[in-house]
Amino acid sequence: MVHTEQERYAAASQEDRSAPRIKISIPATLRASGSKGFQTTVRDLSLSGFSATAITRIHPGTYCWLTLPGMESLAAKTVWWDSGLIGGAFEHLLSPIVLDDILTRWRDKGI
């Protein structure tokens, strides 16, 4: 069975992640390229990406921007969309210090 690069990346991001994802609940805004932004909830976060709610389908490969409270928008590429959830890979890895700060602020807050 031959897999495309996108399918291999999607599988690797779920099974053999380069950075562990931490389950969390953070209110945010997500905007896909060419679309209006919408309110979302980030479900997990890592140095390299995130998953969040997205009722409207966002096709893999679509660029998007995730805006967390108090931060500038983070550019990402959609890796997968499934049943109202999106998985995105950040264009630039988050700094471990920035990730720690986000987790410290939101780990126990939720929404």
PDB file of N, CA and C in Angstrom:
ATOM      1  N   MET A   1       0.847  -1.177   0.000  1.00  0.00           N
ATOM      2  CA  MET A   1       0.000   0.000   0.000  1.00  0.00           C
ATOM      3  C   MET A   1       0.892   1.240   0.000  1.00  0.00           C
ATOM      4  N   VAL A   2       0.689   2.137  -0.945  1.00  0.00           N
ATOM      5  CA  VAL A   2       1.472   3.362  -1.062  1.00  0.00           C
ATOM      6  C   VAL A   2       0.698   4.493  -0.407  1.00  0.00           C
ATOM      7  N   HIS A   3       1.385   5.246   0.454  1.00  0.00           N
ATOM      8  CA  HIS A   3       0.757   6.378   1.128  1.00  0.00           C
ATOM      9  C   HIS A   3       1.372   7.672   0.638  1.00  0.00           C
ATOM     10  N   THR A   4       0.546   8.704   0.535  1.00  0.00           N
ATOM     11  CA  THR A   4       1.060  10.010   0.173  1.00  0.00           C
ATOM     12  C   THR A   4       1.833  10.590   1.348  1.00  0.00           C
ATOM     13  N   GLU A   5       2.629  11.614   1.074  1.00  0.00           N
ATOM     14  CA  GLU A   5       3.379  12.275   2.143  1.00  0.00           C
ATOM     15  C   GLU A   5       2.420  12.807   3.203  1.00  0.00           C
ATOM     16  N   GLN A   6       1.298  13.357   2.775  1.00  0.00           N
ATOM     17  CA  GLN A   6       0.312  13.905   3.700  1.00  0.00           C
ATOM     18  C   GLN A   6      -0.239  12.809   4.614  1.00  0.00           C
ATOM     19  N   GLU A   7      -0.545  11.641   4.056  1.00  0.00           N
ATOM     20  CA  GLU A   7      -1.059  10.534   4.868  1.00  0.00           C
ATOM     21  C   GLU A   7      -0.003  10.044   5.859  1.00  0.00           C
ATOM     22  N   ARG A   8       1.250   9.976   5.407  1.00  0.00           N
ATOM     23  CA  ARG A   8       2.329   9.557   6.312  1.00  0.00           C
ATOM     24  C   ARG A   8       2.498  10.561   7.450  1.00  0.00           C
ATOM     25  N   TYR A   9       2.436  11.864   7.129  1.00  0.00           N
ATOM     26  CA  TYR A   9       2.576  12.891   8.158  1.00  0.00           C
ATOM     27  C   TYR A   9       1.430  12.792   9.164  1.00  0.00           C
ATOM     28  N   ALA A  10       0.202  12.629   8.648  1.00  0.00           N
ATOM     29  CA  ALA A  10      -0.963  12.532   9.526  1.00  0.00           C
ATOM     30  C   ALA A  10      -0.829  11.341  10.469  1.00  0.00           C
ATOM     31  N   ALA A  11      -0.421  10.205   9.928  1.00  0.00           N
ATOM     32  CA  ALA A  11      -0.257   9.016  10.760  1.00  0.00           C
ATOM     33  C   ALA A  11       0.856   9.225  11.780  1.00  0.00           C
ATOM     34  N   ALA A  12       1.958   9.790  11.339  1.00  0.00           N
ATOM     35  CA  ALA A  12       3.088  10.016  12.246  1.00  0.00           C
ATOM     36  C   ALA A  12       2.716  11.001  13.335  1.00  0.00           C
ATOM     37  N   SER A  13       1.941  12.019  12.981  1.00  0.00           N
ATOM     38  CA  SER A  13       1.582  13.020  13.980  1.00  0.00           C
ATOM     39  C   SER A  13       0.693  12.436  15.065  1.00  0.00           C
ATOM     40  N   GLN A  14      -0.024  11.366  14.733  1.00  0.00           N
ATOM     41  CA  GLN A  14      -0.886  10.731  15.724  1.00  0.00           C
ATOM     42  C   GLN A  14      -0.191   9.600  16.474  1.00  0.00           C
ATOM     43  N   GLU A  15       0.706   8.913  15.822  1.00  0.00           N
ATOM     44  CA  GLU A  15       1.298   7.720  16.405  1.00  0.00           C
ATOM     45  C   GLU A  15       2.712   7.927  16.953  1.00  0.00           C
ATOM     46  N   ASP A  16       3.502   8.719  16.290  1.00  0.00           N
ATOM     47  CA  ASP A  16       4.906   8.866  16.661  1.00  0.00           C
ATOM     48  C   ASP A  16       5.269  10.341  16.631  1.00  0.00           C
ATOM     49  N   ARG A  17       4.659  11.078  17.495  1.00  0.00           N
ATOM     50  CA  ARG A  17       4.809  12.524  17.482  1.00  0.00           C
ATOM     51  C   ARG A  17       6.214  12.946  17.867  1.00  0.00           C
ATOM     52  N   SER A  18       6.658  14.013  17.208  1.00  0.00           N
ATOM     53  CA  SER A  18       7.973  14.560  17.533  1.00  0.00           C
ATOM     54  C   SER A  18       7.930  15.305  18.859  1.00  0.00           C
ATOM     55  N   ALA A  19       6.749  15.723  19.272  1.00  0.00           N
ATOM     56  CA  ALA A  19       6.586  16.414  20.548  1.00  0.00           C
ATOM     57  C   ALA A  19       5.267  15.942  21.163  1.00  0.00           C
ATOM     58  N   PRO A  20       5.279  15.572  22.427  1.00  0.00           N
ATOM     59  CA  PRO A  20       4.038  15.095  23.043  1.00  0.00           C
ATOM     60  C   PRO A  20       2.985  16.198  23.115  1.00  0.00           C
ATOM     61  N   ARG A  21       1.748  15.811  22.857  1.00  0.00           N
ATOM     62  CA  ARG A  21       0.641  16.765  22.955  1.00  0.00           C
ATOM     63  C   ARG A  21       0.032  16.677  24.337  1.00  0.00           C
ATOM     64  N   ILE A  22      -0.274  17.847  24.886  1.00  0.00           N
ATOM     65  CA  ILE A  22      -0.857  17.934  26.221  1.00  0.00           C
ATOM     66  C   ILE A  22      -2.329  18.284  26.072  1.00  0.00           C
ATOM     67  N   LYS A  23      -3.189  17.467  26.674  1.00  0.00           N
ATOM     68  CA  LYS A  23      -4.624  17.750  26.640  1.00  0.00           C
ATOM     69  C   LYS A  23      -4.888  19.005  27.459  1.00  0.00           C
ATOM     70  N   ILE A  24      -5.717  19.890  26.885  1.00  0.00           N
ATOM     71  CA  ILE A  24      -5.992  21.181  27.514  1.00  0.00           C
ATOM     72  C   ILE A  24      -7.279  21.721  26.917  1.00  0.00           C
ATOM     73  N   SER A  25      -7.833  22.755  27.488  1.00  0.00           N
ATOM     74  CA  SER A  25      -9.026  23.401  26.944  1.00  0.00           C
ATOM     75  C   SER A  25      -8.803  24.905  26.980  1.00  0.00           C
ATOM     76  N   ILE A  26      -8.566  25.482  25.784  1.00  0.00           N
ATOM     77  CA  ILE A  26      -8.272  26.912  25.685  1.00  0.00           C
ATOM     78  C   ILE A  26      -9.200  27.532  24.644  1.00  0.00           C
ATOM     79  N   PRO A  27      -9.952  28.588  25.024  1.00  0.00           N
ATOM     80  CA  PRO A  27     -10.760  29.278  24.021  1.00  0.00           C
ATOM     81  C   PRO A  27      -9.825  30.015  23.070  1.00  0.00           C
ATOM     82  N   ALA A  28     -10.123  29.974  21.790  1.00  0.00           N
ATOM     83  CA  ALA A  28      -9.243  30.596  20.799  1.00  0.00           C
ATOM     84  C   ALA A  28     -10.063  30.974  19.576  1.00  0.00           C
ATOM     85  N   THR A  29      -9.388  31.585  18.602  1.00  0.00           N
ATOM     86  CA  THR A  29      -9.989  31.897  17.306  1.00  0.00           C
ATOM     87  C   THR A  29      -9.170  31.174  16.253  1.00  0.00           C
ATOM     88  N   LEU A  30      -9.861  30.599  15.285  1.00  0.00           N
ATOM     89  CA  LEU A  30      -9.198  29.901  14.191  1.00  0.00           C
ATOM     90  C   LEU A  30      -9.715  30.494  12.886  1.00  0.00           C
ATOM     91  N   ARG A  31      -8.789  30.780  11.971  1.00  0.00           N
ATOM     92  CA  ARG A  31      -9.187  31.304  10.667  1.00  0.00           C
ATOM     93  C   ARG A  31      -8.457  30.544   9.583  1.00  0.00           C
ATOM     94  N   ALA A  32      -9.226  29.895   8.718  1.00  0.00           N
ATOM     95  CA  ALA A  32      -8.651  29.202   7.563  1.00  0.00           C
ATOM     96  C   ALA A  32      -8.429  30.220   6.458  1.00  0.00           C
ATOM     97  N   SER A  33      -7.440  29.991   5.638  1.00  0.00           N
ATOM     98  CA  SER A  33      -7.142  30.875   4.517  1.00  0.00           C
ATOM     99  C   SER A  33      -8.386  31.099   3.668  1.00  0.00           C
ATOM    100  N   GLY A  34      -8.692  32.368   3.392  1.00  0.00           N
ATOM    101  CA  GLY A  34      -9.839  32.710   2.568  1.00  0.00           C
ATOM    102  C   GLY A  34     -11.171  32.682   3.286  1.00  0.00           C
ATOM    103  N   SER A  35     -11.162  32.472   4.593  1.00  0.00           N
ATOM    104  CA  SER A  35     -12.402  32.386   5.367  1.00  0.00           C
ATOM    105  C   SER A  35     -12.383  33.366   6.533  1.00  0.00           C
ATOM    106  N   LYS A  36     -13.557  33.555   7.119  1.00  0.00           N
ATOM    107  CA  LYS A  36     -13.653  34.361   8.332  1.00  0.00           C
ATOM    108  C   LYS A  36     -13.247  33.508   9.525  1.00  0.00           C
ATOM    109  N   GLY A  37     -12.711  34.160  10.542  1.00  0.00           N
ATOM    110  CA  GLY A  37     -12.341  33.450  11.759  1.00  0.00           C
ATOM    111  C   GLY A  37     -13.573  33.022  12.535  1.00  0.00           C
ATOM    112  N   PHE A  38     -13.400  32.004  13.375  1.00  0.00           N
ATOM    113  CA  PHE A  38     -14.487  31.537  14.233  1.00  0.00           C
ATOM    114  C   PHE A  38     -13.931  31.126  15.585  1.00  0.00           C
ATOM    115  N   GLN A  39     -14.812  31.121  16.569  1.00  0.00           N
ATOM    116  CA  GLN A  39     -14.427  30.710  17.908  1.00  0.00           C
ATOM    117  C   GLN A  39     -14.229  29.197  17.940  1.00  0.00           C
ATOM    118  N   THR A  40     -13.211  28.765  18.654  1.00  0.00           N
ATOM    119  CA  THR A  40     -12.898  27.351  18.755  1.00  0.00           C
ATOM    120  C   THR A  40     -12.396  27.066  20.165  1.00  0.00           C
ATOM    121  N   THR A  41     -12.160  25.812  20.437  1.00  0.00           N
ATOM    122  CA  THR A  41     -11.528  25.386  21.679  1.00  0.00           C
ATOM    123  C   THR A  41     -10.362  24.490  21.315  1.00  0.00           C
ATOM    124  N   VAL A  42      -9.177  24.878  21.750  1.00  0.00           N
ATOM    125  CA  VAL A  42      -7.994  24.049  21.536  1.00  0.00           C
ATOM    126  C   VAL A  42      -8.106  22.871  22.487  1.00  0.00           C
ATOM    127  N   ARG A  43      -8.001  21.651  21.960  1.00  0.00           N
ATOM    128  CA  ARG A  43      -8.160  20.424  22.741  1.00  0.00           C
ATOM    129  C   ARG A  43      -6.845  19.851  23.209  1.00  0.00           C
ATOM    130  N   ASP A  44      -5.793  20.017  22.388  1.00  0.00           N
ATOM    131  CA  ASP A  44      -4.452  19.625  22.823  1.00  0.00           C
ATOM    132  C   ASP A  44      -3.445  20.490  22.088  1.00  0.00           C
ATOM    133  N   LEU A  45      -2.249  20.550  22.675  1.00  0.00           N
ATOM    134  CA  LEU A  45      -1.237  21.474  22.200  1.00  0.00           C
ATOM    135  C   LEU A  45       0.134  20.854  22.394  1.00  0.00           C
ATOM    136  N   SER A  46       1.036  21.134  21.461  1.00  0.00           N
ATOM    137  CA  SER A  46       2.428  20.696  21.590  1.00  0.00           C
ATOM    138  C   SER A  46       3.317  21.750  20.958  1.00  0.00           C
ATOM    139  N   LEU A  47       4.602  21.508  20.990  1.00  0.00           N
ATOM    140  CA  LEU A  47       5.549  22.419  20.345  1.00  0.00           C
ATOM    141  C   LEU A  47       5.278  22.526  18.847  1.00  0.00           C
ATOM    142  N   SER A  48       4.760  21.438  18.254  1.00  0.00           N
ATOM    143  CA  SER A  48       4.633  21.383  16.803  1.00  0.00           C
ATOM    144  C   SER A  48       3.221  21.512  16.260  1.00  0.00           C
ATOM    145  N   GLY A  49       2.191  21.468  17.121  1.00  0.00           N
ATOM    146  CA  GLY A  49       0.854  21.553  16.585  1.00  0.00           C
ATOM    147  C   GLY A  49      -0.240  21.536  17.629  1.00  0.00           C
ATOM    148  N   PHE A  50      -1.470  21.345  17.156  1.00  0.00           N
ATOM    149  CA  PHE A  50      -2.641  21.429  18.021  1.00  0.00           C
ATOM    150  C   PHE A  50      -3.796  20.647  17.413  1.00  0.00           C
ATOM    151  N   SER A  51      -4.814  20.409  18.217  1.00  0.00           N
ATOM    152  CA  SER A  51      -6.111  20.004  17.691  1.00  0.00           C
ATOM    153  C   SER A  51      -7.135  20.934  18.321  1.00  0.00           C
ATOM    154  N   ALA A  52      -8.202  21.193  17.571  1.00  0.00           N
ATOM    155  CA  ALA A  52      -9.225  22.131  18.032  1.00  0.00           C
ATOM    156  C   ALA A  52     -10.550  21.784  17.369  1.00  0.00           C
ATOM    157  N   THR A  53     -11.622  22.328  17.909  1.00  0.00           N
ATOM    158  CA  THR A  53     -12.929  22.121  17.314  1.00  0.00           C
ATOM    159  C   THR A  53     -13.043  22.949  16.029  1.00  0.00           C
ATOM    160  N   ALA A  54     -13.688  22.393  15.036  1.00  0.00           N
ATOM    161  CA  ALA A  54     -13.938  23.084  13.769  1.00  0.00           C
ATOM    162  C   ALA A  54     -15.134  22.418  13.111  1.00  0.00           C
ATOM    163  N   ILE A  55     -16.309  22.970  13.337  1.00  0.00           N
ATOM    164  CA  ILE A  55     -17.538  22.378  12.826  1.00  0.00           C
ATOM    165  C   ILE A  55     -17.509  22.293  11.302  1.00  0.00           C
ATOM    166  N   THR A  56     -17.007  23.352  10.652  1.00  0.00           N
ATOM    167  CA  THR A  56     -16.915  23.370   9.199  1.00  0.00           C
ATOM    168  C   THR A  56     -15.655  22.645   8.757  1.00  0.00           C
ATOM    169  N   ARG A  57     -15.780  21.817   7.740  1.00  0.00           N
ATOM    170  CA  ARG A  57     -14.632  21.065   7.220  1.00  0.00           C
ATOM    171  C   ARG A  57     -13.540  22.007   6.747  1.00  0.00           C
ATOM    172  N   ILE A  58     -12.316  21.721   7.156  1.00  0.00           N
ATOM    173  CA  ILE A  58     -11.138  22.432   6.667  1.00  0.00           C
ATOM    174  C   ILE A  58     -10.246  21.357   6.065  1.00  0.00           C
ATOM    175  N   HIS A  59     -10.012  21.465   4.778  1.00  0.00           N
ATOM    176  CA  HIS A  59      -9.299  20.422   4.054  1.00  0.00           C
ATOM    177  C   HIS A  59      -7.814  20.370   4.409  1.00  0.00           C
ATOM    178  N   PRO A  60      -7.251  19.181   4.530  1.00  0.00           N
ATOM    179  CA  PRO A  60      -5.817  19.041   4.763  1.00  0.00           C
ATOM    180  C   PRO A  60      -5.019  19.842   3.733  1.00  0.00           C
ATOM    181  N   GLY A  61      -3.995  20.494   4.212  1.00  0.00           N
ATOM    182  CA  GLY A  61      -3.158  21.332   3.365  1.00  0.00           C
ATOM    183  C   GLY A  61      -3.534  22.804   3.417  1.00  0.00           C
ATOM    184  N   THR A  62      -4.714  23.109   3.962  1.00  0.00           N
ATOM    185  CA  THR A  62      -5.169  24.496   4.064  1.00  0.00           C
ATOM    186  C   THR A  62      -4.388  25.223   5.156  1.00  0.00           C
ATOM    187  N   TYR A  63      -3.904  26.412   4.830  1.00  0.00           N
ATOM    188  CA  TYR A  63      -3.246  27.228   5.852  1.00  0.00           C
ATOM    189  C   TYR A  63      -4.298  27.846   6.751  1.00  0.00           C
ATOM    190  N   CYS A  64      -3.964  27.983   8.017  1.00  0.00           N
ATOM    191  CA  CYS A  64      -4.871  28.600   8.969  1.00  0.00           C
ATOM    192  C   CYS A  64      -4.059  29.348  10.022  1.00  0.00           C
ATOM    193  N   TRP A  65      -4.759  30.151  10.788  1.00  0.00           N
ATOM    194  CA  TRP A  65      -4.128  30.931  11.844  1.00  0.00           C
ATOM    195  C   TRP A  65      -4.904  30.716  13.130  1.00  0.00           C
ATOM    196  N   LEU A  66      -4.184  30.303  14.157  1.00  0.00           N
ATOM    197  CA  LEU A  66      -4.747  30.057  15.480  1.00  0.00           C
ATOM    198  C   LEU A  66      -4.344  31.211  16.378  1.00  0.00           C
ATOM    199  N   THR A  67      -5.330  31.846  17.008  1.00  0.00           N
ATOM    200  CA  THR A  67      -5.044  32.947  17.917  1.00  0.00           C
ATOM    201  C   THR A  67      -5.485  32.559  19.322  1.00  0.00           C
ATOM    202  N   LEU A  68      -4.511  32.398  20.197  1.00  0.00           N
ATOM    203  CA  LEU A  68      -4.773  32.103  21.611  1.00  0.00           C
ATOM    204  C   LEU A  68      -4.873  33.427  22.358  1.00  0.00           C
ATOM    205  N   PRO A  69      -5.611  33.471  23.468  1.00  0.00           N
ATOM    206  CA  PRO A  69      -5.763  34.717  24.219  1.00  0.00           C
ATOM    207  C   PRO A  69      -4.406  35.339  24.587  1.00  0.00           C
ATOM    208  N   GLY A  70      -4.282  36.639  24.287  1.00  0.00           N
ATOM    209  CA  GLY A  70      -3.079  37.372  24.662  1.00  0.00           C
ATOM    210  C   GLY A  70      -1.871  37.106  23.787  1.00  0.00           C
ATOM    211  N   MET A  71      -2.064  36.413  22.666  1.00  0.00           N
ATOM    212  CA  MET A  71      -0.938  36.079  21.795  1.00  0.00           C
ATOM    213  C   MET A  71      -1.218  36.515  20.359  1.00  0.00           C
ATOM    214  N   GLU A  72      -0.149  36.637  19.575  1.00  0.00           N
ATOM    215  CA  GLU A  72      -0.302  36.878  18.149  1.00  0.00           C
ATOM    216  C   GLU A  72      -0.741  35.570  17.484  1.00  0.00           C
ATOM    217  N   SER A  73      -1.294  35.690  16.295  1.00  0.00           N
ATOM    218  CA  SER A  73      -1.738  34.503  15.550  1.00  0.00           C
ATOM    219  C   SER A  73      -0.568  33.592  15.218  1.00  0.00           C
ATOM    220  N   LEU A  74      -0.827  32.287  15.296  1.00  0.00           N
ATOM    221  CA  LEU A  74       0.165  31.268  14.964  1.00  0.00           C
ATOM    222  C   LEU A  74      -0.230  30.627  13.642  1.00  0.00           C
ATOM    223  N   ALA A  75       0.637  30.707  12.641  1.00  0.00           N
ATOM    224  CA  ALA A  75       0.359  30.104  11.338  1.00  0.00           C
ATOM    225  C   ALA A  75       0.520  28.592  11.445  1.00  0.00           C
ATOM    226  N   ALA A  76      -0.378  27.882  10.785  1.00  0.00           N
ATOM    227  CA  ALA A  76      -0.344  26.418  10.810  1.00  0.00           C
ATOM    228  C   ALA A  76      -0.888  25.889   9.493  1.00  0.00           C
ATOM    229  N   LYS A  77      -0.641  24.626   9.255  1.00  0.00           N
ATOM    230  CA  LYS A  77      -1.184  23.943   8.083  1.00  0.00           C
ATOM    231  C   LYS A  77      -2.081  22.822   8.597  1.00  0.00           C
ATOM    232  N   THR A  78      -3.265  22.723   8.029  1.00  0.00           N
ATOM    233  CA  THR A  78      -4.197  21.677   8.417  1.00  0.00           C
ATOM    234  C   THR A  78      -3.631  20.321   7.990  1.00  0.00           C
ATOM    235  N   VAL A  79      -3.559  19.404   8.943  1.00  0.00           N
ATOM    236  CA  VAL A  79      -3.074  18.050   8.659  1.00  0.00           C
ATOM    237  C   VAL A  79      -4.254  17.105   8.481  1.00  0.00           C
ATOM    238  N   TRP A  80      -5.293  17.276   9.298  1.00  0.00           N
ATOM    239  CA  TRP A  80      -6.468  16.425   9.203  1.00  0.00           C
ATOM    240  C   TRP A  80      -7.696  17.163   9.728  1.00  0.00           C
ATOM    241  N   TRP A  81      -8.851  16.733   9.296  1.00  0.00           N
ATOM    242  CA  TRP A  81     -10.137  17.174   9.822  1.00  0.00           C
ATOM    243  C   TRP A  81     -10.991  15.937   9.939  1.00  0.00           C
ATOM    244  N   ASP A  82     -11.653  15.763  11.092  1.00  0.00           N
ATOM    245  CA  ASP A  82     -12.481  14.586  11.283  1.00  0.00           C
ATOM    246  C   ASP A  82     -13.592  14.894  12.271  1.00  0.00           C
ATOM    247  N   SER A  83     -14.828  14.800  11.814  1.00  0.00           N
ATOM    248  CA  SER A  83     -16.007  14.914  12.674  1.00  0.00           C
ATOM    249  C   SER A  83     -15.970  16.126  13.603  1.00  0.00           C
ATOM    250  N   GLY A  84     -15.639  17.274  13.056  1.00  0.00           N
ATOM    251  CA  GLY A  84     -15.673  18.502  13.853  1.00  0.00           C
ATOM    252  C   GLY A  84     -14.402  18.831  14.595  1.00  0.00           C
ATOM    253  N   LEU A  85     -13.329  18.111  14.335  1.00  0.00           N
ATOM    254  CA  LEU A  85     -12.036  18.420  14.949  1.00  0.00           C
ATOM    255  C   LEU A  85     -11.002  18.609  13.849  1.00  0.00           C
ATOM    256  N   ILE A  86     -10.072  19.535  14.083  1.00  0.00           N
ATOM    257  CA  ILE A  86      -8.992  19.805  13.149  1.00  0.00           C
ATOM    258  C   ILE A  86      -7.660  19.536  13.834  1.00  0.00           C
ATOM    259  N   GLY A  87      -6.726  19.011  13.084  1.00  0.00           N
ATOM    260  CA  GLY A  87      -5.355  18.853  13.570  1.00  0.00           C
ATOM    261  C   GLY A  87      -4.464  19.738  12.731  1.00  0.00           C
ATOM    262  N   GLY A  88      -3.668  20.560  13.373  1.00  0.00           N
ATOM    263  CA  GLY A  88      -2.811  21.486  12.643  1.00  0.00           C
ATOM    264  C   GLY A  88      -1.364  21.374  13.067  1.00  0.00           C
ATOM    265  N   ALA A  89      -0.470  21.592  12.116  1.00  0.00           N
ATOM    266  CA  ALA A  89       0.975  21.616  12.371  1.00  0.00           C
ATOM    267  C   ALA A  89       1.444  23.060  12.242  1.00  0.00           C
ATOM    268  N   PHE A  90       2.055  23.586  13.296  1.00  0.00           N
ATOM    269  CA  PHE A  90       2.525  24.964  13.260  1.00  0.00           C
ATOM    270  C   PHE A  90       3.592  25.148  12.188  1.00  0.00           C
ATOM    271  N   GLU A  91       3.563  26.314  11.548  1.00  0.00           N
ATOM    272  CA  GLU A  91       4.569  26.630  10.541  1.00  0.00           C
ATOM    273  C   GLU A  91       5.954  26.722  11.188  1.00  0.00           C
ATOM    274  N   HIS A  92       5.991  27.263  12.390  1.00  0.00           N
ATOM    275  CA  HIS A  92       7.232  27.355  13.164  1.00  0.00           C
ATOM    276  C   HIS A  92       6.966  26.747  14.538  1.00  0.00           C
ATOM    277  N   LEU A  93       7.858  25.896  15.002  1.00  0.00           N
ATOM    278  CA  LEU A  93       7.683  25.285  16.317  1.00  0.00           C
ATOM    279  C   LEU A  93       7.539  26.354  17.390  1.00  0.00           C
ATOM    280  N   LEU A  94       6.697  26.073  18.374  1.00  0.00           N
ATOM    281  CA  LEU A  94       6.609  26.965  19.527  1.00  0.00           C
ATOM    282  C   LEU A  94       7.891  26.843  20.341  1.00  0.00           C
ATOM    283  N   SER A  95       8.267  27.897  20.966  1.00  0.00           N
ATOM    284  CA  SER A  95       9.378  27.849  21.906  1.00  0.00           C
ATOM    285  C   SER A  95       8.917  27.057  23.133  1.00  0.00           C
ATOM    286  N   PRO A  96       9.775  26.213  23.700  1.00  0.00           N
ATOM    287  CA  PRO A  96       9.385  25.495  24.921  1.00  0.00           C
ATOM    288  C   PRO A  96       8.959  26.448  26.038  1.00  0.00           C
ATOM    289  N   ILE A  97       9.556  27.622  26.091  1.00  0.00           N
ATOM    290  CA  ILE A  97       9.202  28.611  27.122  1.00  0.00           C
ATOM    291  C   ILE A  97       7.784  29.125  26.887  1.00  0.00           C
ATOM    292  N   VAL A  98       7.437  29.397  25.620  1.00  0.00           N
ATOM    293  CA  VAL A  98       6.088  29.862  25.288  1.00  0.00           C
ATOM    294  C   VAL A  98       5.073  28.765  25.600  1.00  0.00           C
ATOM    295  N   LEU A  99       5.366  27.530  25.213  1.00  0.00           N
ATOM    296  CA  LEU A  99       4.458  26.423  25.502  1.00  0.00           C
ATOM    297  C   LEU A  99       4.250  26.272  27.008  1.00  0.00           C
ATOM    298  N   ASP A 100       5.317  26.311  27.779  1.00  0.00           N
ATOM    299  CA  ASP A 100       5.197  26.206  29.238  1.00  0.00           C
ATOM    300  C   ASP A 100       4.338  27.323  29.805  1.00  0.00           C
ATOM    301  N   ASP A 101       4.498  28.549  29.268  1.00  0.00           N
ATOM    302  CA  ASP A 101       3.709  29.688  29.736  1.00  0.00           C
ATOM    303  C   ASP A 101       2.225  29.462  29.445  1.00  0.00           C
ATOM    304  N   ILE A 102       1.911  29.015  28.236  1.00  0.00           N
ATOM    305  CA  ILE A 102       0.511  28.747  27.863  1.00  0.00           C
ATOM    306  C   ILE A 102      -0.072  27.673  28.773  1.00  0.00           C
ATOM    307  N   LEU A 103       0.666  26.600  28.966  1.00  0.00           N
ATOM    308  CA  LEU A 103       0.170  25.498  29.807  1.00  0.00           C
ATOM    309  C   LEU A 103      -0.020  25.942  31.248  1.00  0.00           C
ATOM    310  N   THR A 104       0.894  26.747  31.763  1.00  0.00           N
ATOM    311  CA  THR A 104       0.776  27.244  33.136  1.00  0.00           C
ATOM    312  C   THR A 104      -0.486  28.094  33.285  1.00  0.00           C
ATOM    313  N   ARG A 105      -0.755  28.929  32.290  1.00  0.00           N
ATOM    314  CA  ARG A 105      -1.929  29.810  32.360  1.00  0.00           C
ATOM    315  C   ARG A 105      -3.247  29.067  32.196  1.00  0.00           C
ATOM    316  N   TRP A 106      -3.279  27.987  31.396  1.00  0.00           N
ATOM    317  CA  TRP A 106      -4.543  27.366  31.026  1.00  0.00           C
ATOM    318  C   TRP A 106      -4.754  25.956  31.557  1.00  0.00           C
ATOM    319  N   ARG A 107      -3.760  25.337  32.131  1.00  0.00           N
ATOM    320  CA  ARG A 107      -3.889  23.931  32.520  1.00  0.00           C
ATOM    321  C   ARG A 107      -5.092  23.687  33.429  1.00  0.00           C
ATOM    322  N   ASP A 108      -5.314  24.534  34.410  1.00  0.00           N
ATOM    323  CA  ASP A 108      -6.405  24.297  35.363  1.00  0.00           C
ATOM    324  C   ASP A 108      -7.626  25.170  35.139  1.00  0.00           C
ATOM    325  N   LYS A 109      -7.551  26.099  34.167  1.00  0.00           N
ATOM    326  CA  LYS A 109      -8.669  27.009  33.937  1.00  0.00           C
ATOM    327  C   LYS A 109      -9.779  26.389  33.131  1.00  0.00           C
ATOM    328  N   GLY A 110      -9.422  25.812  31.984  1.00  0.00           N
ATOM    329  CA  GLY A 110     -10.450  25.312  31.081  1.00  0.00           C
ATOM    330  C   GLY A 110     -11.317  26.467  30.617  1.00  0.00           C
ATOM    331  N   ILE A 111     -12.514  26.119  30.121  1.00  0.00           N
ATOM    332  CA  ILE A 111     -13.445  27.191  29.707  1.00  0.00           C
ATOM    333  C   ILE A 111     -14.804  26.914  30.301  1.00  0.00           C
TER     334      ILE A 111
END
